[in-house]
Amino acid sequence: MLFLQISTHTAESCPIHNEKTQKIFADVYNKMGPLAKKHGVKTVGSWVSMPEHLVIMVYDAPNAEAMTKMMMEPDLMTWIAHNSSTMRPVMTLDEAMKQVLK
């Protein structure tokens, strides 16, 4: 099951300019792999638009519960506290077309 996470932060809290959030972001970045593995979640891809203070992540999780449990980890909650984030279940266009053409 794929999940799309879209996160934004303010210019003031940007890790480029803010030492506190820089430490938090670096810490989460280093812990993300082990936390994902713990919950059976794989990162499909991640992208950043620095001028927009925008981070886009795509995860593949066994189910919504695994994704929720991973995002509730204290380290990830610290990161999320410095961002506005949305999480949506998504599917590939091919998967959607199979549903459309049933």
PDB file of N, CA and C in Angstrom:
ATOM      1  N   MET A   1       0.857  -1.168   0.000  1.00  0.00           N
ATOM      2  CA  MET A   1       0.000   0.000   0.000  1.00  0.00           C
ATOM      3  C   MET A   1       0.904   1.232   0.000  1.00  0.00           C
ATOM      4  N   LEU A   2       0.672   2.118  -0.957  1.00  0.00           N
ATOM      5  CA  LEU A   2       1.498   3.318  -1.059  1.00  0.00           C
ATOM      6  C   LEU A   2       0.881   4.486  -0.291  1.00  0.00           C
ATOM      7  N   PHE A   3       1.754   5.294   0.296  1.00  0.00           N
ATOM      8  CA  PHE A   3       1.334   6.494   1.021  1.00  0.00           C
ATOM      9  C   PHE A   3       2.173   7.674   0.553  1.00  0.00           C
ATOM     10  N   LEU A   4       1.516   8.781   0.317  1.00  0.00           N
ATOM     11  CA  LEU A   4       2.164  10.026  -0.088  1.00  0.00           C
ATOM     12  C   LEU A   4       2.142  10.976   1.097  1.00  0.00           C
ATOM     13  N   GLN A   5       3.316  11.441   1.499  1.00  0.00           N
ATOM     14  CA  GLN A   5       3.416  12.426   2.577  1.00  0.00           C
ATOM     15  C   GLN A   5       3.935  13.727   1.973  1.00  0.00           C
ATOM     16  N   ILE A   6       3.201  14.800   2.210  1.00  0.00           N
ATOM     17  CA  ILE A   6       3.612  16.123   1.770  1.00  0.00           C
ATOM     18  C   ILE A   6       3.787  16.979   3.016  1.00  0.00           C
ATOM     19  N   SER A   7       5.004  17.498   3.193  1.00  0.00           N
ATOM     20  CA  SER A   7       5.311  18.296   4.377  1.00  0.00           C
ATOM     21  C   SER A   7       5.889  19.640   3.963  1.00  0.00           C
ATOM     22  N   THR A   8       5.511  20.659   4.712  1.00  0.00           N
ATOM     23  CA  THR A   8       6.079  21.986   4.509  1.00  0.00           C
ATOM     24  C   THR A   8       6.489  22.556   5.858  1.00  0.00           C
ATOM     25  N   HIS A   9       7.439  23.463   5.812  1.00  0.00           N
ATOM     26  CA  HIS A   9       7.833  24.170   7.029  1.00  0.00           C
ATOM     27  C   HIS A   9       8.022  25.646   6.671  1.00  0.00           C
ATOM     28  N   THR A  10       8.095  26.455   7.681  1.00  0.00           N
ATOM     29  CA  THR A  10       8.255  27.890   7.453  1.00  0.00           C
ATOM     30  C   THR A  10       9.718  28.196   7.130  1.00  0.00           C
ATOM     31  N   ALA A  11       9.924  29.345   6.542  1.00  0.00           N
ATOM     32  CA  ALA A  11      11.299  29.789   6.276  1.00  0.00           C
ATOM     33  C   ALA A  11      12.076  29.915   7.583  1.00  0.00           C
ATOM     34  N   GLU A  12      11.399  30.343   8.632  1.00  0.00           N
ATOM     35  CA  GLU A  12      12.058  30.526   9.935  1.00  0.00           C
ATOM     36  C   GLU A  12      12.508  29.199  10.546  1.00  0.00           C
ATOM     37  N   SER A  13      11.765  28.130  10.282  1.00  0.00           N
ATOM     38  CA  SER A  13      12.130  26.836  10.857  1.00  0.00           C
ATOM     39  C   SER A  13      12.929  25.969   9.885  1.00  0.00           C
ATOM     40  N   CYS A  14      13.287  26.525   8.734  1.00  0.00           N
ATOM     41  CA  CYS A  14      14.041  25.768   7.727  1.00  0.00           C
ATOM     42  C   CYS A  14      15.393  25.334   8.297  1.00  0.00           C
ATOM     43  N   PRO A  15      15.740  24.062   8.131  1.00  0.00           N
ATOM     44  CA  PRO A  15      17.015  23.584   8.671  1.00  0.00           C
ATOM     45  C   PRO A  15      18.238  24.259   8.049  1.00  0.00           C
ATOM     46  N   ILE A  16      18.067  24.891   6.924  1.00  0.00           N
ATOM     47  CA  ILE A  16      19.186  25.621   6.322  1.00  0.00           C
ATOM     48  C   ILE A  16      19.585  26.797   7.207  1.00  0.00           C
ATOM     49  N   HIS A  17      18.574  27.428   7.855  1.00  0.00           N
ATOM     50  CA  HIS A  17      18.807  28.652   8.621  1.00  0.00           C
ATOM     51  C   HIS A  17      18.632  28.494  10.127  1.00  0.00           C
ATOM     52  N   ASN A  18      18.069  27.380  10.560  1.00  0.00           N
ATOM     53  CA  ASN A  18      17.716  27.208  11.963  1.00  0.00           C
ATOM     54  C   ASN A  18      18.494  26.013  12.533  1.00  0.00           C
ATOM     55  N   GLU A  19      19.427  26.286  13.424  1.00  0.00           N
ATOM     56  CA  GLU A  19      20.280  25.223  13.971  1.00  0.00           C
ATOM     57  C   GLU A  19      19.490  24.166  14.737  1.00  0.00           C
ATOM     58  N   LYS A  20      18.445  24.572  15.440  1.00  0.00           N
ATOM     59  CA  LYS A  20      17.640  23.617  16.215  1.00  0.00           C
ATOM     60  C   LYS A  20      16.976  22.606  15.277  1.00  0.00           C
ATOM     61  N   THR A  21      16.302  23.096  14.246  1.00  0.00           N
ATOM     62  CA  THR A  21      15.631  22.161  13.337  1.00  0.00           C
ATOM     63  C   THR A  21      16.640  21.420  12.470  1.00  0.00           C
ATOM     64  N   GLN A  22      17.793  22.008  12.221  1.00  0.00           N
ATOM     65  CA  GLN A  22      18.832  21.314  11.470  1.00  0.00           C
ATOM     66  C   GLN A  22      19.243  20.045  12.214  1.00  0.00           C
ATOM     67  N   LYS A  23      19.420  20.147  13.525  1.00  0.00           N
ATOM     68  CA  LYS A  23      19.781  18.987  14.331  1.00  0.00           C
ATOM     69  C   LYS A  23      18.659  17.952  14.319  1.00  0.00           C
ATOM     70  N   ILE A  24      17.418  18.418  14.462  1.00  0.00           N
ATOM     71  CA  ILE A  24      16.266  17.509  14.457  1.00  0.00           C
ATOM     72  C   ILE A  24      16.166  16.786  13.117  1.00  0.00           C
ATOM     73  N   PHE A  25      16.259  17.524  12.016  1.00  0.00           N
ATOM     74  CA  PHE A  25      16.141  16.920  10.691  1.00  0.00           C
ATOM     75  C   PHE A  25      17.265  15.916  10.445  1.00  0.00           C
ATOM     76  N   ALA A  26      18.493  16.255  10.842  1.00  0.00           N
ATOM     77  CA  ALA A  26      19.622  15.347  10.653  1.00  0.00           C
ATOM     78  C   ALA A  26      19.423  14.072  11.473  1.00  0.00           C
ATOM     79  N   ASP A  27      18.941  14.226  12.699  1.00  0.00           N
ATOM     80  CA  ASP A  27      18.701  13.083  13.576  1.00  0.00           C
ATOM     81  C   ASP A  27      17.632  12.166  12.981  1.00  0.00           C
ATOM     82  N   VAL A  28      16.532  12.748  12.516  1.00  0.00           N
ATOM     83  CA  VAL A  28      15.450  11.951  11.928  1.00  0.00           C
ATOM     84  C   VAL A  28      15.923  11.275  10.639  1.00  0.00           C
ATOM     85  N   TYR A  29      16.669  12.001   9.826  1.00  0.00           N
ATOM     86  CA  TYR A  29      17.186  11.439   8.584  1.00  0.00           C
ATOM     87  C   TYR A  29      18.007  10.176   8.874  1.00  0.00           C
ATOM     88  N   ASN A  30      18.830  10.216   9.904  1.00  0.00           N
ATOM     89  CA  ASN A  30      19.669   9.068  10.257  1.00  0.00           C
ATOM     90  C   ASN A  30      18.888   7.920  10.891  1.00  0.00           C
ATOM     91  N   LYS A  31      17.747   8.209  11.496  1.00  0.00           N
ATOM     92  CA  LYS A  31      16.954   7.169  12.160  1.00  0.00           C
ATOM     93  C   LYS A  31      15.834   6.620  11.276  1.00  0.00           C
ATOM     94  N   MET A  32      15.560   7.282  10.166  1.00  0.00           N
ATOM     95  CA  MET A  32      14.413   6.920   9.336  1.00  0.00           C
ATOM     96  C   MET A  32      14.498   5.478   8.829  1.00  0.00           C
ATOM     97  N   GLY A  33      15.654   5.055   8.354  1.00  0.00           N
ATOM     98  CA  GLY A  33      15.796   3.689   7.836  1.00  0.00           C
ATOM     99  C   GLY A  33      15.463   2.625   8.868  1.00  0.00           C
ATOM    100  N   PRO A  34      16.082   2.679  10.046  1.00  0.00           N
ATOM    101  CA  PRO A  34      15.761   1.678  11.069  1.00  0.00           C
ATOM    102  C   PRO A  34      14.296   1.732  11.528  1.00  0.00           C
ATOM    103  N   LEU A  35      13.722   2.935  11.631  1.00  0.00           N
ATOM    104  CA  LEU A  35      12.312   3.040  12.043  1.00  0.00           C
ATOM    105  C   LEU A  35      11.394   2.442  10.982  1.00  0.00           C
ATOM    106  N   ALA A  36      11.682   2.710   9.732  1.00  0.00           N
ATOM    107  CA  ALA A  36      10.869   2.149   8.649  1.00  0.00           C
ATOM    108  C   ALA A  36      10.959   0.621   8.663  1.00  0.00           C
ATOM    109  N   LYS A  37      12.161   0.109   8.797  1.00  0.00           N
ATOM    110  CA  LYS A  37      12.356  -1.343   8.825  1.00  0.00           C
ATOM    111  C   LYS A  37      11.585  -1.971   9.987  1.00  0.00           C
ATOM    112  N   LYS A  38      11.624  -1.323  11.136  1.00  0.00           N
ATOM    113  CA  LYS A  38      10.923  -1.816  12.328  1.00  0.00           C
ATOM    114  C   LYS A  38       9.433  -2.023  12.051  1.00  0.00           C
ATOM    115  N   HIS A  39       8.848  -1.167  11.211  1.00  0.00           N
ATOM    116  CA  HIS A  39       7.407  -1.227  10.941  1.00  0.00           C
ATOM    117  C   HIS A  39       7.080  -1.847   9.582  1.00  0.00           C
ATOM    118  N   GLY A  40       8.084  -2.375   8.907  1.00  0.00           N
ATOM    119  CA  GLY A  40       7.861  -3.015   7.610  1.00  0.00           C
ATOM    120  C   GLY A  40       7.538  -2.028   6.505  1.00  0.00           C
ATOM    121  N   VAL A  41       8.014  -0.808   6.645  1.00  0.00           N
ATOM    122  CA  VAL A  41       7.739   0.259   5.680  1.00  0.00           C
ATOM    123  C   VAL A  41       8.999   0.505   4.854  1.00  0.00           C
ATOM    124  N   LYS A  42       8.810   0.725   3.561  1.00  0.00           N
ATOM    125  CA  LYS A  42       9.931   1.051   2.671  1.00  0.00           C
ATOM    126  C   LYS A  42       9.719   2.451   2.099  1.00  0.00           C
ATOM    127  N   THR A  43      10.795   3.207   2.019  1.00  0.00           N
ATOM    128  CA  THR A  43      10.719   4.507   1.362  1.00  0.00           C
ATOM    129  C   THR A  43      10.906   4.278  -0.134  1.00  0.00           C
ATOM    130  N   VAL A  44       9.890   4.645  -0.915  1.00  0.00           N
ATOM    131  CA  VAL A  44       9.933   4.492  -2.368  1.00  0.00           C
ATOM    132  C   VAL A  44      10.751   5.626  -2.977  1.00  0.00           C
ATOM    133  N   GLY A  45      10.554   6.825  -2.446  1.00  0.00           N
ATOM    134  CA  GLY A  45      11.285   7.983  -2.946  1.00  0.00           C
ATOM    135  C   GLY A  45      11.055   9.184  -2.060  1.00  0.00           C
ATOM    136  N   SER A  46      11.952  10.145  -2.185  1.00  0.00           N
ATOM    137  CA  SER A  46      11.819  11.385  -1.420  1.00  0.00           C
ATOM    138  C   SER A  46      12.392  12.531  -2.247  1.00  0.00           C
ATOM    139  N   TRP A  47      11.695  13.659  -2.192  1.00  0.00           N
ATOM    140  CA  TRP A  47      12.070  14.816  -2.984  1.00  0.00           C
ATOM    141  C   TRP A  47      11.905  16.073  -2.144  1.00  0.00           C
ATOM    142  N   VAL A  48      12.729  17.071  -2.437  1.00  0.00           N
ATOM    143  CA  VAL A  48      12.674  18.339  -1.718  1.00  0.00           C
ATOM    144  C   VAL A  48      12.663  19.481  -2.726  1.00  0.00           C
ATOM    145  N   SER A  49      11.774  20.436  -2.508  1.00  0.00           N
ATOM    146  CA  SER A  49      11.813  21.697  -3.236  1.00  0.00           C
ATOM    147  C   SER A  49      12.252  22.752  -2.227  1.00  0.00           C
ATOM    148  N   MET A  50      13.536  23.042  -2.217  1.00  0.00           N
ATOM    149  CA  MET A  50      14.084  23.934  -1.197  1.00  0.00           C
ATOM    150  C   MET A  50      13.461  25.334  -1.221  1.00  0.00           C
ATOM    151  N   PRO A  51      13.252  25.949  -2.390  1.00  0.00           N
ATOM    152  CA  PRO A  51      12.664  27.298  -2.372  1.00  0.00           C
ATOM    153  C   PRO A  51      11.249  27.334  -1.779  1.00  0.00           C
ATOM    154  N   GLU A  52      10.539  26.197  -1.878  1.00  0.00           N
ATOM    155  CA  GLU A  52       9.167  26.136  -1.361  1.00  0.00           C
ATOM    156  C   GLU A  52       9.088  25.558   0.050  1.00  0.00           C
ATOM    157  N   HIS A  53      10.226  25.143   0.609  1.00  0.00           N
ATOM    158  CA  HIS A  53      10.248  24.512   1.933  1.00  0.00           C
ATOM    159  C   HIS A  53       9.288  23.317   1.948  1.00  0.00           C
ATOM    160  N   LEU A  54       9.395  22.493   0.917  1.00  0.00           N
ATOM    161  CA  LEU A  54       8.478  21.389   0.663  1.00  0.00           C
ATOM    162  C   LEU A  54       9.249  20.078   0.613  1.00  0.00           C
ATOM    163  N   VAL A  55       8.732  19.064   1.325  1.00  0.00           N
ATOM    164  CA  VAL A  55       9.314  17.722   1.303  1.00  0.00           C
ATOM    165  C   VAL A  55       8.212  16.745   0.899  1.00  0.00           C
ATOM    166  N   ILE A  56       8.510  15.904  -0.083  1.00  0.00           N
ATOM    167  CA  ILE A  56       7.548  14.908  -0.556  1.00  0.00           C
ATOM    168  C   ILE A  56       8.184  13.535  -0.378  1.00  0.00           C
ATOM    169  N   MET A  57       7.447  12.642   0.277  1.00  0.00           N
ATOM    170  CA  MET A  57       7.926  11.280   0.516  1.00  0.00           C
ATOM    171  C   MET A  57       6.848  10.311   0.025  1.00  0.00           C
ATOM    172  N   VAL A  58       7.284   9.197  -0.537  1.00  0.00           N
ATOM    173  CA  VAL A  58       6.375   8.110  -0.891  1.00  0.00           C
ATOM    174  C   VAL A  58       6.871   6.864  -0.171  1.00  0.00           C
ATOM    175  N   TYR A  59       5.953   6.219   0.537  1.00  0.00           N
ATOM    176  CA  TYR A  59       6.261   5.019   1.310  1.00  0.00           C
ATOM    177  C   TYR A  59       5.440   3.849   0.792  1.00  0.00           C
ATOM    178  N   ASP A  60       5.963   2.665   0.964  1.00  0.00           N
ATOM    179  CA  ASP A  60       5.226   1.431   0.699  1.00  0.00           C
ATOM    180  C   ASP A  60       5.122   0.701   2.031  1.00  0.00           C
ATOM    181  N   ALA A  61       3.910   0.567   2.527  1.00  0.00           N
ATOM    182  CA  ALA A  61       3.674  -0.052   3.838  1.00  0.00           C
ATOM    183  C   ALA A  61       2.706  -1.217   3.672  1.00  0.00           C
ATOM    184  N   PRO A  62       2.791  -2.200   4.571  1.00  0.00           N
ATOM    185  CA  PRO A  62       1.875  -3.333   4.470  1.00  0.00           C
ATOM    186  C   PRO A  62       0.406  -2.934   4.673  1.00  0.00           C
ATOM    187  N   ASN A  63       0.192  -1.877   5.460  1.00  0.00           N
ATOM    188  CA  ASN A  63      -1.173  -1.402   5.709  1.00  0.00           C
ATOM    189  C   ASN A  63      -1.109  -0.034   6.401  1.00  0.00           C
ATOM    190  N   ALA A  64      -2.280   0.573   6.585  1.00  0.00           N
ATOM    191  CA  ALA A  64      -2.345   1.901   7.198  1.00  0.00           C
ATOM    192  C   ALA A  64      -1.889   1.871   8.655  1.00  0.00           C
ATOM    193  N   GLU A  65      -2.138   0.780   9.338  1.00  0.00           N
ATOM    194  CA  GLU A  65      -1.735   0.682  10.745  1.00  0.00           C
ATOM    195  C   GLU A  65      -0.210   0.758  10.889  1.00  0.00           C
ATOM    196  N   ALA A  66       0.514   0.059  10.017  1.00  0.00           N
ATOM    197  CA  ALA A  66       1.978   0.087  10.070  1.00  0.00           C
ATOM    198  C   ALA A  66       2.492   1.499   9.805  1.00  0.00           C
ATOM    199  N   MET A  67       1.876   2.173   8.844  1.00  0.00           N
ATOM    200  CA  MET A  67       2.285   3.542   8.519  1.00  0.00           C
ATOM    201  C   MET A  67       2.026   4.476   9.696  1.00  0.00           C
ATOM    202  N   THR A  68       0.864   4.341  10.308  1.00  0.00           N
ATOM    203  CA  THR A  68       0.503   5.182  11.454  1.00  0.00           C
ATOM    204  C   THR A  68       1.445   4.933  12.625  1.00  0.00           C
ATOM    205  N   LYS A  69       1.723   3.673  12.912  1.00  0.00           N
ATOM    206  CA  LYS A  69       2.624   3.359  14.025  1.00  0.00           C
ATOM    207  C   LYS A  69       4.014   3.929  13.789  1.00  0.00           C
ATOM    208  N   MET A  70       4.496   3.855  12.548  1.00  0.00           N
ATOM    209  CA  MET A  70       5.809   4.425  12.267  1.00  0.00           C
ATOM    210  C   MET A  70       5.786   5.941  12.483  1.00  0.00           C
ATOM    211  N   MET A  71       4.774   6.608  11.986  1.00  0.00           N
ATOM    212  CA  MET A  71       4.712   8.065  12.102  1.00  0.00           C
ATOM    213  C   MET A  71       4.505   8.522  13.545  1.00  0.00           C
ATOM    214  N   MET A  72       4.038   7.625  14.415  1.00  0.00           N
ATOM    215  CA  MET A  72       3.843   7.961  15.829  1.00  0.00           C
ATOM    216  C   MET A  72       5.102   7.728  16.666  1.00  0.00           C
ATOM    217  N   GLU A  73       6.160   7.239  16.043  1.00  0.00           N
ATOM    218  CA  GLU A  73       7.423   7.072  16.766  1.00  0.00           C
ATOM    219  C   GLU A  73       7.865   8.445  17.294  1.00  0.00           C
ATOM    220  N   PRO A  74       8.350   8.523  18.528  1.00  0.00           N
ATOM    221  CA  PRO A  74       8.732   9.818  19.110  1.00  0.00           C
ATOM    222  C   PRO A  74       9.688  10.642  18.239  1.00  0.00           C
ATOM    223  N   ASP A  75      10.672   9.997  17.617  1.00  0.00           N
ATOM    224  CA  ASP A  75      11.604  10.741  16.768  1.00  0.00           C
ATOM    225  C   ASP A  75      10.895  11.378  15.574  1.00  0.00           C
ATOM    226  N   LEU A  76       9.982  10.645  14.965  1.00  0.00           N
ATOM    227  CA  LEU A  76       9.255  11.202  13.821  1.00  0.00           C
ATOM    228  C   LEU A  76       8.253  12.260  14.263  1.00  0.00           C
ATOM    229  N   MET A  77       7.680  12.099  15.430  1.00  0.00           N
ATOM    230  CA  MET A  77       6.760  13.114  15.948  1.00  0.00           C
ATOM    231  C   MET A  77       7.499  14.439  16.179  1.00  0.00           C
ATOM    232  N   THR A  78       8.749  14.372  16.592  1.00  0.00           N
ATOM    233  CA  THR A  78       9.543  15.591  16.767  1.00  0.00           C
ATOM    234  C   THR A  78       9.717  16.304  15.438  1.00  0.00           C
ATOM    235  N   TRP A  79       9.988  15.544  14.376  1.00  0.00           N
ATOM    236  CA  TRP A  79      10.138  16.132  13.043  1.00  0.00           C
ATOM    237  C   TRP A  79       8.815  16.710  12.554  1.00  0.00           C
ATOM    238  N   ILE A  80       7.749  15.951  12.733  1.00  0.00           N
ATOM    239  CA  ILE A  80       6.428  16.397  12.281  1.00  0.00           C
ATOM    240  C   ILE A  80       5.992  17.666  13.022  1.00  0.00           C
ATOM    241  N   ALA A  81       6.427  17.818  14.260  1.00  0.00           N
ATOM    242  CA  ALA A  81       6.063  19.012  15.036  1.00  0.00           C
ATOM    243  C   ALA A  81       6.606  20.291  14.404  1.00  0.00           C
ATOM    244  N   HIS A  82       7.611  20.186  13.536  1.00  0.00           N
ATOM    245  CA  HIS A  82       8.193  21.360  12.877  1.00  0.00           C
ATOM    246  C   HIS A  82       7.729  21.496  11.429  1.00  0.00           C
ATOM    247  N   ASN A  83       6.721  20.724  11.058  1.00  0.00           N
ATOM    248  CA  ASN A  83       6.189  20.727   9.699  1.00  0.00           C
ATOM    249  C   ASN A  83       4.672  20.674   9.726  1.00  0.00           C
ATOM    250  N   SER A  84       4.085  21.099   8.645  1.00  0.00           N
ATOM    251  CA  SER A  84       2.678  20.809   8.395  1.00  0.00           C
ATOM    252  C   SER A  84       2.684  19.659   7.396  1.00  0.00           C
ATOM    253  N   SER A  85       2.072  18.547   7.766  1.00  0.00           N
ATOM    254  CA  SER A  85       2.133  17.354   6.923  1.00  0.00           C
ATOM    255  C   SER A  85       0.763  16.787   6.633  1.00  0.00           C
ATOM    256  N   THR A  86       0.643  16.226   5.452  1.00  0.00           N
ATOM    257  CA  THR A  86      -0.535  15.434   5.097  1.00  0.00           C
ATOM    258  C   THR A  86      -0.039  14.074   4.635  1.00  0.00           C
ATOM    259  N   MET A  87      -0.828  13.054   4.910  1.00  0.00           N
ATOM    260  CA  MET A  87      -0.500  11.690   4.515  1.00  0.00           C
ATOM    261  C   MET A  87      -1.719  11.128   3.810  1.00  0.00           C
ATOM    262  N   ARG A  88      -1.504  10.624   2.594  1.00  0.00           N
ATOM    263  CA  ARG A  88      -2.620  10.105   1.812  1.00  0.00           C
ATOM    264  C   ARG A  88      -2.277   8.734   1.246  1.00  0.00           C
ATOM    265  N   PRO A  89      -3.234   7.790   1.315  1.00  0.00           N
ATOM    266  CA  PRO A  89      -3.009   6.541   0.581  1.00  0.00           C
ATOM    267  C   PRO A  89      -3.155   6.845  -0.912  1.00  0.00           C
ATOM    268  N   VAL A  90      -2.242   6.306  -1.706  1.00  0.00           N
ATOM    269  CA  VAL A  90      -2.267   6.532  -3.151  1.00  0.00           C
ATOM    270  C   VAL A  90      -2.015   5.215  -3.867  1.00  0.00           C
ATOM    271  N   MET A  91      -2.229   5.226  -5.175  1.00  0.00           N
ATOM    272  CA  MET A  91      -1.911   4.065  -5.999  1.00  0.00           C
ATOM    273  C   MET A  91      -1.293   4.556  -7.298  1.00  0.00           C
ATOM    274  N   THR A  92      -0.639   3.647  -7.987  1.00  0.00           N
ATOM    275  CA  THR A  92      -0.047   4.016  -9.266  1.00  0.00           C
ATOM    276  C   THR A  92      -1.167   4.242 -10.282  1.00  0.00           C
ATOM    277  N   LEU A  93      -0.833   4.934 -11.347  1.00  0.00           N
ATOM    278  CA  LEU A  93      -1.812   5.164 -12.406  1.00  0.00           C
ATOM    279  C   LEU A  93      -2.252   3.836 -13.018  1.00  0.00           C
ATOM    280  N   ASP A  94      -1.325   2.898 -13.163  1.00  0.00           N
ATOM    281  CA  ASP A  94      -1.685   1.573 -13.693  1.00  0.00           C
ATOM    282  C   ASP A  94      -2.707   0.875 -12.793  1.00  0.00           C
ATOM    283  N   GLU A  95      -2.497   0.949 -11.481  1.00  0.00           N
ATOM    284  CA  GLU A  95      -3.445   0.345 -10.542  1.00  0.00           C
ATOM    285  C   GLU A  95      -4.806   1.035 -10.641  1.00  0.00           C
ATOM    286  N   ALA A  96      -4.809   2.331 -10.778  1.00  0.00           N
ATOM    287  CA  ALA A  96      -6.076   3.065 -10.901  1.00  0.00           C
ATOM    288  C   ALA A  96      -6.802   2.676 -12.182  1.00  0.00           C
ATOM    289  N   MET A  97      -6.060   2.534 -13.287  1.00  0.00           N
ATOM    290  CA  MET A  97      -6.706   2.172 -14.539  1.00  0.00           C
ATOM    291  C   MET A  97      -7.318   0.775 -14.478  1.00  0.00           C
ATOM    292  N   LYS A  98      -6.696  -0.139 -13.741  1.00  0.00           N
ATOM    293  CA  LYS A  98      -7.278  -1.472 -13.575  1.00  0.00           C
ATOM    294  C   LYS A  98      -8.633  -1.365 -12.870  1.00  0.00           C
ATOM    295  N   GLN A  99      -8.717  -0.456 -11.880  1.00  0.00           N
ATOM    296  CA  GLN A  99      -9.980  -0.255 -11.173  1.00  0.00           C
ATOM    297  C   GLN A  99     -11.013   0.388 -12.091  1.00  0.00           C
ATOM    298  N   VAL A 100     -10.592   1.337 -12.880  1.00  0.00           N
ATOM    299  CA  VAL A 100     -11.492   2.048 -13.796  1.00  0.00           C
ATOM    300  C   VAL A 100     -12.040   1.109 -14.854  1.00  0.00           C
ATOM    301  N   LEU A 101     -11.191   0.217 -15.351  1.00  0.00           N
ATOM    302  CA  LEU A 101     -11.581  -0.648 -16.478  1.00  0.00           C
ATOM    303  C   LEU A 101     -12.163  -1.988 -16.060  1.00  0.00           C
ATOM    304  N   LYS A 102     -12.451  -2.177 -14.792  1.00  0.00           N
ATOM    305  CA  LYS A 102     -13.057  -3.433 -14.314  1.00  0.00           C
ATOM    306  C   LYS A 102     -14.364  -3.705 -14.981  1.00  0.00           C
TER     307      LYS A 102
END
